[in-house]
Amino acid sequence: MSRAIRIHSTGGPDVMRWEDVDVAAPAAGEALVRHTAIGVNFIDTYHRSGLYPLTLPAPLGMEAAGVVEAVGASVDYLRAGQRIAYAGGPVGAYAEERVIPAHRLVPLPDDVDDQTAAAVMLKGMTARYLLRQTCEVQPGDTILVHAAAGGVGLIACRWARHLGATVIGTVGSDVKAALARTHGCDHVIVYTREDFVARVKEITGGRGVRVVYDSVGRSTWDGSLDCLQPRGLMVSFGNASGPVPPVSPLTLSAKGSLYLTRPTLMTYTATREELLANAGELFDVVRARIVTATVGGRYPLAEAAQAHRDLEARRTTGSLLLLP
């Protein structure tokens, strides 16, 4: 018998239950994984709240590192005892062990430890597709990153600075501002006391930025559009403050023939080849210390509800880990 966090109804953190679960032997194409570190992400709160519906009762969690305990038939690219990590689903990472489709598992290099992997896999691969594929950031670009002291934000800011961009970040406090500066932000805006649109226009001499990376959602949406230069790109990839309301295409034309996309990691890593390429480039920048794992909190797996409370209250920075 193993244990896992599951929900039987949607709602706040209190709906999460620490339960005994049966874990089957892996079938063909599957692997049994024992987790050593589990990443916490905002998408987990969307599943728990019902914003992104799951079939109930449901497990939670999209990211973890661990060890392969067994593989099913036809899995010839993994072996028992191998260290792996994964991100992006299917849900079920909030567990001591689980069975998962083997093609979603990425072998870990010897010099990337388990907690680092669990802290950067989902957030780091998200930053990679945002900066290298959704909008290929170039030297000389000026970009805006909301939630710059968050898990994706810290990685994206460092990586974008390495690519030669001028990085503007928004944060909610002076403590977070100091952290963002040490992770690549050239300009940091404390949105709780500054008008971030006015500051972006001031920093850019009125022109605006080439791209806005917005994981906040509802509360930053209108301002984000106003920060873009003509033909700029609005990348909405999260809903921390709530979902964005319906958008009229005429709004995009009126604000300068803007582009809008709502990407997901699952689309950018849909094939194993894409997954391995994304993770491989992430591991390269981690090993070169271009990107670092900033762990803002570690919680026992059984106390996952507290991790959600802290995350949703914006009391955290960097990545949060659950430890089985």
Foldseek 3Di string as FASTA:
>chain_A
DWWFWWAQDADALVRIDIDDDDADDAAAQKFKWFFFKFWDDVVQNCPRNCVPDDPPRGGAGFKTKTFTCCYHPPPPPDHGGFIWIFGDDDGDRLIRMHMDRPLRIDGDDPPQDGHFRNQQVFLVLVLCCVCPPVPPQAAPFEEEEELLQAANNLQNQLVNVVRHYAYEYEDQDPVSQVSSVVRHHPHYHNVVPDLVLVVLCVVVVNQAGQEYEAACAAVCVVSRLSRHGAQHEYEHAHHLPHHHPDDDPVVCVVSHVYHYDHDDSCVQPVGSVSSNVSVVVSVVCCVVVSGGQDEFEEEASSVVSVVSVCVSVVVTGHIYMHGD
